[in-house]
Amino acid sequence: MSERAKFRRMQDSTPEDWAIIRPQAAQFSAGLADRVLAHLKLLQGDHGGFPIDRYCHCLQTATLALKDGRDEEYVVCALLHDIGDTLGSHNHPEVAAAILKPFVSQANLWMVEHHGIFQGHNFFHHVGLDRNLRDQFKGHPHYQRTAEFIERYDSPAFDPDAETYPINVFEPIVRRLFAAPKRSLYKANPNAT
């Protein structure tokens, strides 16, 4: 059994308490990739009316990006772009972006966070919405990147006959990306004064 800190209110914590907490928090953080991959698998079997389930869609999107030579960060974004469907049925792009935010560039973060509006260009007009909602972002530095993500990877990844790599192809890539955040509130800034 792990040793536990003694305080009952955060403001009563001591350096000794944090000497107990920090290594255990680091151990928990080291399991993030496993938890993300397990959560992604919750999308298995959920077709939501689509030709393939959401899990296969994520795998297909990542397969297309990997086959096209995209870098590992981009491939993980492609794999996880719809991971928010389980808990954020009304804002899944923002949920996916929140998970990825500490680990990816601003360009990839913006792409994931806005992919829903950009994908809407392909179907919003069928459900009574404005298919041109993405136009509000014309001129944004990541507009074209996001439009390309939809056109080349997200939109064509609903094909039951398409080549789809299994998750074990992506697991090492996910583990490398989630091994160390690029930015985090909880990551000390060595340049801070």
N, C-alpha and C. Protein backbone atom coordinates (compact mmCIF):
# COMPACT_ATOMS: atom_id res chain seq x y z
N MET A 1 0.84 -1.19 0.00
CA MET A 1 0.00 0.00 0.00
C MET A 1 0.88 1.25 0.00
N SER A 2 0.53 2.21 -0.83
CA SER A 2 1.31 3.44 -0.94
C SER A 2 1.14 4.31 0.29
N GLU A 3 2.20 5.00 0.61
CA GLU A 3 2.14 5.98 1.69
C GLU A 3 1.25 7.13 1.25
N ARG A 4 0.54 7.73 2.19
CA ARG A 4 -0.37 8.84 1.86
C ARG A 4 -0.02 10.09 2.64
N ALA A 5 -0.29 11.22 2.00
CA ALA A 5 -0.11 12.51 2.66
C ALA A 5 -1.11 12.62 3.82
N LYS A 6 -0.81 13.49 4.77
CA LYS A 6 -1.60 13.57 6.00
C LYS A 6 -2.62 14.70 6.05
N PHE A 7 -2.54 15.67 5.15
CA PHE A 7 -3.43 16.84 5.26
C PHE A 7 -4.87 16.50 4.88
N ARG A 8 -5.80 17.34 5.36
CA ARG A 8 -7.22 17.17 5.05
C ARG A 8 -7.74 18.31 4.17
N ARG A 9 -7.00 19.40 4.11
CA ARG A 9 -7.32 20.53 3.24
C ARG A 9 -6.04 20.90 2.51
N MET A 10 -6.16 21.22 1.23
CA MET A 10 -4.99 21.50 0.41
C MET A 10 -4.10 22.57 1.04
N GLN A 11 -4.71 23.60 1.61
CA GLN A 11 -3.90 24.69 2.17
C GLN A 11 -3.08 24.24 3.39
N ASP A 12 -3.37 23.06 3.91
CA ASP A 12 -2.61 22.54 5.04
C ASP A 12 -1.49 21.59 4.60
N SER A 13 -1.32 21.40 3.30
CA SER A 13 -0.29 20.48 2.81
C SER A 13 1.10 21.04 3.12
N THR A 14 2.06 20.11 3.20
CA THR A 14 3.43 20.47 3.54
C THR A 14 4.38 19.94 2.47
N PRO A 15 5.63 20.40 2.47
CA PRO A 15 6.61 19.83 1.54
C PRO A 15 6.75 18.31 1.71
N GLU A 16 6.59 17.82 2.94
CA GLU A 16 6.67 16.38 3.19
C GLU A 16 5.53 15.65 2.51
N ASP A 17 4.33 16.25 2.53
CA ASP A 17 3.19 15.66 1.85
C ASP A 17 3.47 15.57 0.34
N TRP A 18 4.02 16.63 -0.19
CA TRP A 18 4.28 16.66 -1.64
C TRP A 18 5.43 15.74 -2.03
N ALA A 19 6.29 15.42 -1.10
CA ALA A 19 7.33 14.42 -1.36
C ALA A 19 6.71 13.03 -1.52
N ILE A 20 5.55 12.83 -0.94
CA ILE A 20 4.79 11.58 -1.10
C ILE A 20 3.97 11.62 -2.39
N ILE A 21 3.31 12.76 -2.61
CA ILE A 21 2.36 12.88 -3.73
C ILE A 21 3.06 12.91 -5.09
N ARG A 22 4.13 13.66 -5.21
CA ARG A 22 4.75 13.86 -6.54
C ARG A 22 5.17 12.56 -7.23
N PRO A 23 5.85 11.64 -6.56
CA PRO A 23 6.23 10.41 -7.27
C PRO A 23 5.01 9.56 -7.66
N GLN A 24 3.98 9.58 -6.82
CA GLN A 24 2.78 8.82 -7.16
C GLN A 24 2.02 9.48 -8.30
N ALA A 25 2.02 10.80 -8.33
CA ALA A 25 1.39 11.52 -9.45
C ALA A 25 2.15 11.24 -10.75
N ALA A 26 3.47 11.17 -10.67
CA ALA A 26 4.28 10.87 -11.86
C ALA A 26 3.97 9.46 -12.37
N GLN A 27 3.80 8.53 -11.45
CA GLN A 27 3.47 7.16 -11.83
C GLN A 27 2.09 7.12 -12.51
N PHE A 28 1.14 7.85 -11.96
CA PHE A 28 -0.20 7.91 -12.55
C PHE A 28 -0.13 8.54 -13.94
N SER A 29 0.62 9.62 -14.07
CA SER A 29 0.76 10.29 -15.38
C SER A 29 1.39 9.38 -16.41
N ALA A 30 2.29 8.52 -15.98
CA ALA A 30 2.94 7.59 -16.90
C ALA A 30 1.95 6.63 -17.55
N GLY A 31 0.79 6.45 -16.94
CA GLY A 31 -0.24 5.56 -17.49
C GLY A 31 -1.24 6.27 -18.39
N LEU A 32 -1.00 7.54 -18.70
CA LEU A 32 -1.97 8.31 -19.49
C LEU A 32 -2.23 7.69 -20.85
N ALA A 33 -1.19 7.28 -21.55
CA ALA A 33 -1.39 6.69 -22.88
C ALA A 33 -2.29 5.46 -22.81
N ASP A 34 -2.10 4.63 -21.79
CA ASP A 34 -2.95 3.44 -21.63
C ASP A 34 -4.41 3.83 -21.42
N ARG A 35 -4.63 4.86 -20.60
CA ARG A 35 -6.01 5.30 -20.34
C ARG A 35 -6.65 5.90 -21.59
N VAL A 36 -5.87 6.66 -22.35
CA VAL A 36 -6.39 7.25 -23.59
C VAL A 36 -6.75 6.15 -24.58
N LEU A 37 -5.87 5.18 -24.75
CA LEU A 37 -6.14 4.09 -25.68
C LEU A 37 -7.35 3.27 -25.24
N ALA A 38 -7.49 3.04 -23.95
CA ALA A 38 -8.66 2.31 -23.44
C ALA A 38 -9.93 3.10 -23.70
N HIS A 39 -9.85 4.42 -23.52
CA HIS A 39 -11.04 5.25 -23.76
C HIS A 39 -11.41 5.26 -25.25
N LEU A 40 -10.41 5.30 -26.10
CA LEU A 40 -10.68 5.27 -27.53
C LEU A 40 -11.46 4.00 -27.91
N LYS A 41 -11.12 2.90 -27.28
CA LYS A 41 -11.78 1.63 -27.59
C LYS A 41 -13.25 1.61 -27.19
N LEU A 42 -13.67 2.57 -26.36
CA LEU A 42 -15.09 2.68 -26.03
C LEU A 42 -15.94 3.00 -27.26
N LEU A 43 -15.29 3.50 -28.32
CA LEU A 43 -16.00 3.83 -29.55
C LEU A 43 -16.32 2.60 -30.40
N GLN A 44 -15.76 1.44 -30.03
CA GLN A 44 -16.03 0.20 -30.77
C GLN A 44 -17.51 -0.14 -30.68
N GLY A 45 -18.07 -0.52 -31.82
CA GLY A 45 -19.45 -0.97 -31.86
C GLY A 45 -20.47 0.15 -31.95
N ASP A 46 -20.05 1.39 -31.80
CA ASP A 46 -20.97 2.52 -31.88
C ASP A 46 -20.95 3.07 -33.30
N HIS A 47 -21.92 2.63 -34.08
CA HIS A 47 -22.01 3.08 -35.47
C HIS A 47 -22.70 4.43 -35.59
N GLY A 48 -23.63 4.70 -34.69
CA GLY A 48 -24.36 5.96 -34.76
C GLY A 48 -25.00 6.19 -36.12
N GLY A 49 -25.32 5.09 -36.83
CA GLY A 49 -25.92 5.19 -38.15
C GLY A 49 -24.91 5.26 -39.29
N PHE A 50 -23.63 5.42 -38.96
CA PHE A 50 -22.59 5.52 -39.99
C PHE A 50 -22.25 4.13 -40.55
N PRO A 51 -21.60 4.07 -41.72
CA PRO A 51 -21.26 2.78 -42.33
C PRO A 51 -20.26 1.95 -41.51
N ILE A 52 -19.44 2.60 -40.70
CA ILE A 52 -18.50 1.90 -39.82
C ILE A 52 -18.61 2.49 -38.43
N ASP A 53 -18.12 1.77 -37.41
CA ASP A 53 -18.21 2.32 -36.06
C ASP A 53 -17.18 3.44 -35.87
N ARG A 54 -17.38 4.20 -34.82
CA ARG A 54 -16.54 5.37 -34.57
C ARG A 54 -15.08 5.00 -34.34
N TYR A 55 -14.84 3.86 -33.74
CA TYR A 55 -13.47 3.39 -33.49
C TYR A 55 -12.77 3.12 -34.82
N CYS A 56 -13.43 2.40 -35.69
CA CYS A 56 -12.85 2.12 -37.01
C CYS A 56 -12.63 3.42 -37.79
N HIS A 57 -13.55 4.37 -37.65
CA HIS A 57 -13.38 5.67 -38.30
C HIS A 57 -12.09 6.35 -37.83
N CYS A 58 -11.85 6.31 -36.52
CA CYS A 58 -10.62 6.92 -35.99
C CYS A 58 -9.39 6.20 -36.52
N LEU A 59 -9.44 4.86 -36.54
CA LEU A 59 -8.32 4.09 -37.07
C LEU A 59 -8.10 4.39 -38.55
N GLN A 60 -9.18 4.49 -39.31
CA GLN A 60 -9.05 4.81 -40.75
C GLN A 60 -8.46 6.19 -40.96
N THR A 61 -8.91 7.16 -40.18
CA THR A 61 -8.39 8.52 -40.32
C THR A 61 -6.89 8.53 -40.07
N ALA A 62 -6.47 7.85 -39.01
CA ALA A 62 -5.05 7.78 -38.68
C ALA A 62 -4.27 6.98 -39.73
N THR A 63 -4.88 5.93 -40.25
CA THR A 63 -4.24 5.13 -41.29
C THR A 63 -3.93 5.99 -42.51
N LEU A 64 -4.92 6.76 -42.94
CA LEU A 64 -4.72 7.64 -44.09
C LEU A 64 -3.60 8.65 -43.84
N ALA A 65 -3.58 9.23 -42.65
CA ALA A 65 -2.55 10.22 -42.32
C ALA A 65 -1.16 9.57 -42.28
N LEU A 66 -1.07 8.38 -41.69
CA LEU A 66 0.22 7.69 -41.60
C LEU A 66 0.71 7.28 -42.99
N LYS A 67 -0.18 6.73 -43.81
CA LYS A 67 0.20 6.32 -45.16
C LYS A 67 0.63 7.52 -46.01
N ASP A 68 0.11 8.69 -45.67
CA ASP A 68 0.43 9.91 -46.41
C ASP A 68 1.73 10.56 -45.92
N GLY A 69 2.36 9.96 -44.91
CA GLY A 69 3.64 10.46 -44.42
C GLY A 69 3.56 11.58 -43.40
N ARG A 70 2.41 11.76 -42.80
CA ARG A 70 2.29 12.80 -41.76
C ARG A 70 3.14 12.44 -40.55
N ASP A 71 3.57 13.45 -39.81
CA ASP A 71 4.40 13.19 -38.63
C ASP A 71 3.57 12.55 -37.52
N GLU A 72 4.26 12.04 -36.51
CA GLU A 72 3.59 11.28 -35.45
C GLU A 72 2.54 12.10 -34.70
N GLU A 73 2.85 13.35 -34.43
CA GLU A 73 1.89 14.20 -33.71
C GLU A 73 0.59 14.32 -34.52
N TYR A 74 0.71 14.55 -35.78
CA TYR A 74 -0.46 14.68 -36.66
C TYR A 74 -1.24 13.36 -36.69
N VAL A 75 -0.54 12.25 -36.78
CA VAL A 75 -1.19 10.93 -36.83
C VAL A 75 -1.98 10.68 -35.54
N VAL A 76 -1.41 11.04 -34.40
CA VAL A 76 -2.14 10.87 -33.14
C VAL A 76 -3.36 11.78 -33.11
N CYS A 77 -3.23 12.98 -33.61
CA CYS A 77 -4.40 13.87 -33.70
C CYS A 77 -5.49 13.24 -34.58
N ALA A 78 -5.08 12.64 -35.68
CA ALA A 78 -6.04 11.96 -36.56
C ALA A 78 -6.70 10.80 -35.83
N LEU A 79 -5.92 10.04 -35.08
CA LEU A 79 -6.46 8.90 -34.35
C LEU A 79 -7.44 9.33 -33.27
N LEU A 80 -7.14 10.41 -32.57
CA LEU A 80 -7.93 10.81 -31.40
C LEU A 80 -8.94 11.92 -31.67
N HIS A 81 -9.06 12.35 -32.92
CA HIS A 81 -9.90 13.53 -33.19
C HIS A 81 -11.35 13.37 -32.73
N ASP A 82 -11.87 12.15 -32.69
CA ASP A 82 -13.26 11.93 -32.26
C ASP A 82 -13.37 11.22 -30.91
N ILE A 83 -12.29 11.15 -30.15
CA ILE A 83 -12.33 10.48 -28.85
C ILE A 83 -13.34 11.13 -27.91
N GLY A 84 -13.64 12.38 -28.14
CA GLY A 84 -14.60 13.09 -27.29
C GLY A 84 -16.05 12.69 -27.50
N ASP A 85 -16.33 11.87 -28.50
CA ASP A 85 -17.72 11.46 -28.76
C ASP A 85 -18.38 10.81 -27.55
N THR A 86 -17.61 10.10 -26.72
CA THR A 86 -18.21 9.38 -25.60
C THR A 86 -18.73 10.31 -24.51
N LEU A 87 -17.98 11.34 -24.19
CA LEU A 87 -18.35 12.23 -23.09
C LEU A 87 -18.81 13.61 -23.54
N GLY A 88 -18.54 13.95 -24.79
CA GLY A 88 -18.90 15.27 -25.30
C GLY A 88 -19.71 15.15 -26.56
N SER A 89 -20.88 14.55 -26.45
CA SER A 89 -21.70 14.31 -27.64
C SER A 89 -22.07 15.61 -28.36
N HIS A 90 -22.03 16.72 -27.65
CA HIS A 90 -22.41 18.01 -28.25
C HIS A 90 -21.20 18.91 -28.47
N ASN A 91 -20.02 18.45 -28.07
CA ASN A 91 -18.81 19.25 -28.25
C ASN A 91 -17.57 18.37 -28.34
N HIS A 92 -17.68 17.27 -29.06
CA HIS A 92 -16.58 16.30 -29.09
C HIS A 92 -15.24 16.87 -29.56
N PRO A 93 -15.20 17.83 -30.50
CA PRO A 93 -13.89 18.35 -30.90
C PRO A 93 -13.15 19.05 -29.74
N GLU A 94 -13.90 19.75 -28.91
CA GLU A 94 -13.27 20.45 -27.79
C GLU A 94 -12.75 19.47 -26.75
N VAL A 95 -13.45 18.35 -26.55
CA VAL A 95 -13.00 17.33 -25.60
C VAL A 95 -11.69 16.71 -26.11
N ALA A 96 -11.66 16.35 -27.38
CA ALA A 96 -10.44 15.78 -27.96
C ALA A 96 -9.28 16.79 -27.85
N ALA A 97 -9.56 18.04 -28.13
CA ALA A 97 -8.52 19.07 -28.06
C ALA A 97 -8.00 19.23 -26.63
N ALA A 98 -8.88 19.15 -25.66
CA ALA A 98 -8.44 19.27 -24.26
C ALA A 98 -7.48 18.15 -23.88
N ILE A 99 -7.74 16.95 -24.35
CA ILE A 99 -6.85 15.82 -24.06
C ILE A 99 -5.50 16.02 -24.73
N LEU A 100 -5.51 16.51 -25.95
CA LEU A 100 -4.28 16.66 -26.73
C LEU A 100 -3.48 17.93 -26.41
N LYS A 101 -4.11 18.93 -25.85
CA LYS A 101 -3.51 20.26 -25.70
C LYS A 101 -2.10 20.28 -25.12
N PRO A 102 -1.80 19.55 -24.05
CA PRO A 102 -0.44 19.63 -23.51
C PRO A 102 0.64 19.01 -24.41
N PHE A 103 0.23 18.25 -25.42
CA PHE A 103 1.17 17.42 -26.16
C PHE A 103 1.39 17.82 -27.62
N VAL A 104 0.57 18.73 -28.14
CA VAL A 104 0.63 19.01 -29.57
C VAL A 104 0.84 20.50 -29.85
N SER A 105 1.22 20.78 -31.09
CA SER A 105 1.44 22.16 -31.53
C SER A 105 0.12 22.92 -31.57
N GLN A 106 0.23 24.24 -31.62
CA GLN A 106 -0.97 25.08 -31.74
C GLN A 106 -1.71 24.76 -33.04
N ALA A 107 -1.00 24.49 -34.11
CA ALA A 107 -1.64 24.20 -35.40
C ALA A 107 -2.48 22.92 -35.30
N ASN A 108 -1.92 21.87 -34.72
CA ASN A 108 -2.67 20.63 -34.60
C ASN A 108 -3.80 20.75 -33.59
N LEU A 109 -3.57 21.49 -32.52
CA LEU A 109 -4.63 21.71 -31.53
C LEU A 109 -5.81 22.43 -32.16
N TRP A 110 -5.55 23.49 -32.91
CA TRP A 110 -6.61 24.26 -33.56
C TRP A 110 -7.37 23.37 -34.55
N MET A 111 -6.63 22.56 -35.28
CA MET A 111 -7.23 21.66 -36.26
C MET A 111 -8.21 20.69 -35.58
N VAL A 112 -7.79 20.07 -34.51
CA VAL A 112 -8.67 19.12 -33.80
C VAL A 112 -9.87 19.86 -33.20
N GLU A 113 -9.61 20.98 -32.57
CA GLU A 113 -10.67 21.72 -31.90
C GLU A 113 -11.74 22.23 -32.87
N HIS A 114 -11.37 22.49 -34.11
CA HIS A 114 -12.31 23.06 -35.08
C HIS A 114 -12.76 22.09 -36.17
N HIS A 115 -12.31 20.84 -36.10
CA HIS A 115 -12.62 19.91 -37.19
C HIS A 115 -14.12 19.67 -37.35
N GLY A 116 -14.88 19.77 -36.30
CA GLY A 116 -16.33 19.55 -36.39
C GLY A 116 -17.02 20.57 -37.30
N ILE A 117 -16.65 21.82 -37.14
CA ILE A 117 -17.23 22.88 -37.97
C ILE A 117 -16.80 22.69 -39.43
N PHE A 118 -15.56 22.29 -39.63
CA PHE A 118 -15.06 22.10 -41.00
C PHE A 118 -15.69 20.86 -41.64
N GLN A 119 -15.88 19.79 -40.87
CA GLN A 119 -16.56 18.60 -41.40
C GLN A 119 -18.02 18.94 -41.72
N GLY A 120 -18.58 19.86 -40.97
CA GLY A 120 -19.96 20.28 -41.21
C GLY A 120 -20.20 20.80 -42.62
N HIS A 121 -19.16 21.27 -43.27
CA HIS A 121 -19.31 21.73 -44.64
C HIS A 121 -19.85 20.61 -45.54
N ASN A 122 -19.57 19.37 -45.17
CA ASN A 122 -20.00 18.22 -45.97
C ASN A 122 -21.42 17.73 -45.67
N PHE A 123 -22.00 18.17 -44.54
CA PHE A 123 -23.32 17.63 -44.22
C PHE A 123 -24.28 18.58 -43.50
N PHE A 124 -23.83 19.71 -43.00
CA PHE A 124 -24.72 20.59 -42.24
C PHE A 124 -25.99 20.94 -43.02
N HIS A 125 -25.88 21.13 -44.31
CA HIS A 125 -27.04 21.50 -45.13
C HIS A 125 -28.09 20.38 -45.15
N HIS A 126 -27.69 19.15 -44.83
CA HIS A 126 -28.65 18.04 -44.79
C HIS A 126 -29.43 17.99 -43.48
N VAL A 127 -28.94 18.70 -42.46
CA VAL A 127 -29.59 18.66 -41.15
C VAL A 127 -30.06 20.04 -40.69
N GLY A 128 -30.23 20.94 -41.66
CA GLY A 128 -30.79 22.25 -41.36
C GLY A 128 -29.82 23.27 -40.78
N LEU A 129 -28.53 23.03 -40.94
CA LEU A 129 -27.52 23.97 -40.45
C LEU A 129 -26.80 24.61 -41.63
N ASP A 130 -26.08 25.66 -41.32
CA ASP A 130 -25.33 26.39 -42.34
C ASP A 130 -24.02 25.67 -42.63
N ARG A 131 -23.90 25.11 -43.82
CA ARG A 131 -22.69 24.35 -44.17
C ARG A 131 -21.45 25.24 -44.27
N ASN A 132 -21.65 26.53 -44.33
CA ASN A 132 -20.52 27.45 -44.49
C ASN A 132 -20.06 28.08 -43.16
N LEU A 133 -20.39 27.45 -42.05
CA LEU A 133 -19.96 27.98 -40.75
C LEU A 133 -18.44 28.11 -40.68
N ARG A 134 -17.73 27.25 -41.38
CA ARG A 134 -16.26 27.32 -41.34
C ARG A 134 -15.74 28.62 -41.94
N ASP A 135 -16.55 29.27 -42.77
CA ASP A 135 -16.11 30.50 -43.43
C ASP A 135 -15.77 31.61 -42.44
N GLN A 136 -16.31 31.54 -41.23
CA GLN A 136 -15.99 32.55 -40.22
C GLN A 136 -14.49 32.54 -39.88
N PHE A 137 -13.81 31.45 -40.23
CA PHE A 137 -12.40 31.32 -39.93
C PHE A 137 -11.49 31.57 -41.13
N LYS A 138 -12.08 31.96 -42.26
CA LYS A 138 -11.25 32.27 -43.44
C LYS A 138 -10.23 33.33 -43.05
N GLY A 139 -9.02 33.11 -43.47
CA GLY A 139 -7.94 34.02 -43.11
C GLY A 139 -7.18 33.58 -41.86
N HIS A 140 -7.72 32.63 -41.11
CA HIS A 140 -7.01 32.13 -39.93
C HIS A 140 -5.81 31.31 -40.41
N PRO A 141 -4.70 31.39 -39.71
CA PRO A 141 -3.50 30.67 -40.15
C PRO A 141 -3.67 29.15 -40.27
N HIS A 142 -4.63 28.57 -39.54
CA HIS A 142 -4.80 27.11 -39.58
C HIS A 142 -6.05 26.67 -40.35
N TYR A 143 -6.68 27.60 -41.04
CA TYR A 143 -7.88 27.28 -41.81
C TYR A 143 -7.58 26.20 -42.86
N GLN A 144 -6.58 26.43 -43.69
CA GLN A 144 -6.29 25.51 -44.77
C GLN A 144 -5.87 24.14 -44.25
N ARG A 145 -5.09 24.13 -43.17
CA ARG A 145 -4.65 22.87 -42.56
C ARG A 145 -5.86 22.05 -42.12
N THR A 146 -6.84 22.70 -41.52
CA THR A 146 -8.02 22.01 -41.02
C THR A 146 -8.90 21.54 -42.18
N ALA A 147 -9.07 22.37 -43.20
CA ALA A 147 -9.83 21.98 -44.38
C ALA A 147 -9.18 20.77 -45.05
N GLU A 148 -7.87 20.76 -45.12
CA GLU A 148 -7.15 19.64 -45.71
C GLU A 148 -7.31 18.37 -44.87
N PHE A 149 -7.28 18.51 -43.53
CA PHE A 149 -7.48 17.35 -42.65
C PHE A 149 -8.83 16.70 -42.94
N ILE A 150 -9.85 17.51 -43.10
CA ILE A 150 -11.18 16.97 -43.40
C ILE A 150 -11.19 16.28 -44.76
N GLU A 151 -10.69 16.98 -45.76
CA GLU A 151 -10.76 16.47 -47.14
C GLU A 151 -9.94 15.19 -47.34
N ARG A 152 -8.73 15.15 -46.77
CA ARG A 152 -7.82 14.03 -47.05
C ARG A 152 -7.94 12.87 -46.07
N TYR A 153 -8.37 13.16 -44.83
CA TYR A 153 -8.29 12.12 -43.81
C TYR A 153 -9.64 11.84 -43.11
N ASP A 154 -10.29 12.86 -42.60
CA ASP A 154 -11.52 12.64 -41.82
C ASP A 154 -12.70 12.25 -42.71
N SER A 155 -12.96 13.00 -43.73
CA SER A 155 -14.12 12.75 -44.58
C SER A 155 -14.08 11.40 -45.31
N PRO A 156 -12.94 10.97 -45.87
CA PRO A 156 -12.94 9.69 -46.57
C PRO A 156 -12.85 8.46 -45.65
N ALA A 157 -12.81 8.66 -44.35
CA ALA A 157 -12.57 7.56 -43.41
C ALA A 157 -13.87 6.96 -42.86
N PHE A 158 -14.82 6.73 -43.75
CA PHE A 158 -16.08 6.06 -43.39
C PHE A 158 -16.33 4.87 -44.30
N ASP A 159 -15.28 4.33 -44.87
CA ASP A 159 -15.37 3.32 -45.91
C ASP A 159 -15.17 1.91 -45.33
N PRO A 160 -16.22 1.09 -45.33
CA PRO A 160 -16.08 -0.26 -44.77
C PRO A 160 -15.07 -1.13 -45.52
N ASP A 161 -14.71 -0.75 -46.73
CA ASP A 161 -13.77 -1.54 -47.53
C ASP A 161 -12.35 -0.97 -47.53
N ALA A 162 -12.13 0.13 -46.86
CA ALA A 162 -10.82 0.77 -46.89
C ALA A 162 -9.82 0.03 -46.00
N GLU A 163 -8.56 0.13 -46.38
CA GLU A 163 -7.50 -0.43 -45.54
C GLU A 163 -7.49 0.33 -44.22
N THR A 164 -7.47 -0.42 -43.14
CA THR A 164 -7.50 0.18 -41.81
C THR A 164 -6.47 -0.54 -40.95
N TYR A 165 -5.45 0.20 -40.52
CA TYR A 165 -4.42 -0.40 -39.67
C TYR A 165 -5.01 -0.69 -38.29
N PRO A 166 -4.57 -1.77 -37.65
CA PRO A 166 -5.03 -2.07 -36.29
C PRO A 166 -4.39 -1.12 -35.28
N ILE A 167 -4.98 -1.07 -34.11
CA ILE A 167 -4.52 -0.14 -33.07
C ILE A 167 -3.06 -0.38 -32.69
N ASN A 168 -2.57 -1.61 -32.79
CA ASN A 168 -1.18 -1.87 -32.38
C ASN A 168 -0.17 -1.12 -33.25
N VAL A 169 -0.56 -0.69 -34.43
CA VAL A 169 0.32 0.14 -35.27
C VAL A 169 0.49 1.51 -34.63
N PHE A 170 -0.57 2.01 -33.99
CA PHE A 170 -0.58 3.37 -33.45
C PHE A 170 -0.16 3.45 -31.98
N GLU A 171 -0.26 2.35 -31.25
CA GLU A 171 0.04 2.39 -29.82
C GLU A 171 1.43 2.96 -29.51
N PRO A 172 2.50 2.54 -30.18
CA PRO A 172 3.80 3.12 -29.85
C PRO A 172 3.88 4.62 -30.12
N ILE A 173 3.19 5.06 -31.15
CA ILE A 173 3.17 6.48 -31.49
C ILE A 173 2.45 7.27 -30.40
N VAL A 174 1.31 6.74 -29.96
CA VAL A 174 0.55 7.39 -28.88
C VAL A 174 1.40 7.45 -27.62
N ARG A 175 2.07 6.37 -27.29
CA ARG A 175 2.91 6.33 -26.09
C ARG A 175 4.04 7.36 -26.16
N ARG A 176 4.66 7.50 -27.31
CA ARG A 176 5.73 8.50 -27.45
C ARG A 176 5.18 9.92 -27.27
N LEU A 177 4.04 10.19 -27.88
CA LEU A 177 3.49 11.53 -27.78
C LEU A 177 3.09 11.88 -26.35
N PHE A 178 2.45 10.93 -25.66
CA PHE A 178 1.96 11.20 -24.31
C PHE A 178 3.02 11.02 -23.23
N ALA A 179 4.24 10.72 -23.61
CA ALA A 179 5.30 10.50 -22.63
C ALA A 179 5.70 11.79 -21.91
N ALA A 180 5.63 12.92 -22.59
CA ALA A 180 6.05 14.18 -21.98
C ALA A 180 5.29 15.35 -22.59
N PRO A 181 4.59 16.10 -21.76
CA PRO A 181 3.87 17.26 -22.30
C PRO A 181 4.83 18.36 -22.74
N LYS A 182 4.41 19.07 -23.77
CA LYS A 182 5.17 20.24 -24.22
C LYS A 182 4.87 21.43 -23.32
N ARG A 183 3.64 21.47 -22.84
CA ARG A 183 3.23 22.56 -21.94
C ARG A 183 2.16 22.04 -21.00
N SER A 184 2.21 22.52 -19.78
CA SER A 184 1.23 22.12 -18.79
C SER A 184 1.34 23.05 -17.60
N LEU A 185 0.24 23.31 -16.96
CA LEU A 185 0.23 24.09 -15.73
C LEU A 185 1.14 23.42 -14.69
N TYR A 186 1.23 22.10 -14.75
CA TYR A 186 1.96 21.35 -13.74
C TYR A 186 3.40 21.04 -14.13
N LYS A 187 3.83 21.57 -15.25
CA LYS A 187 5.21 21.38 -15.69
C LYS A 187 5.99 22.64 -15.36
N ALA A 188 7.03 22.48 -14.58
CA ALA A 188 7.84 23.63 -14.17
C ALA A 188 8.50 24.26 -15.40
N ASN A 189 8.52 25.57 -15.43
CA ASN A 189 9.17 26.32 -16.50
C ASN A 189 10.58 26.67 -16.03
N PRO A 190 11.60 26.06 -16.65
CA PRO A 190 12.97 26.33 -16.20
C PRO A 190 13.40 27.78 -16.45
N ASN A 191 12.68 28.51 -17.30
CA ASN A 191 13.05 29.90 -17.62
C ASN A 191 12.33 30.90 -16.72
N ALA A 192 11.46 30.40 -15.84
CA ALA A 192 10.69 31.32 -14.99
C ALA A 192 11.63 31.97 -13.97
N THR A 193 11.31 33.21 -13.65
CA THR A 193 12.12 33.92 -12.65
C THR A 193 11.39 34.01 -11.35
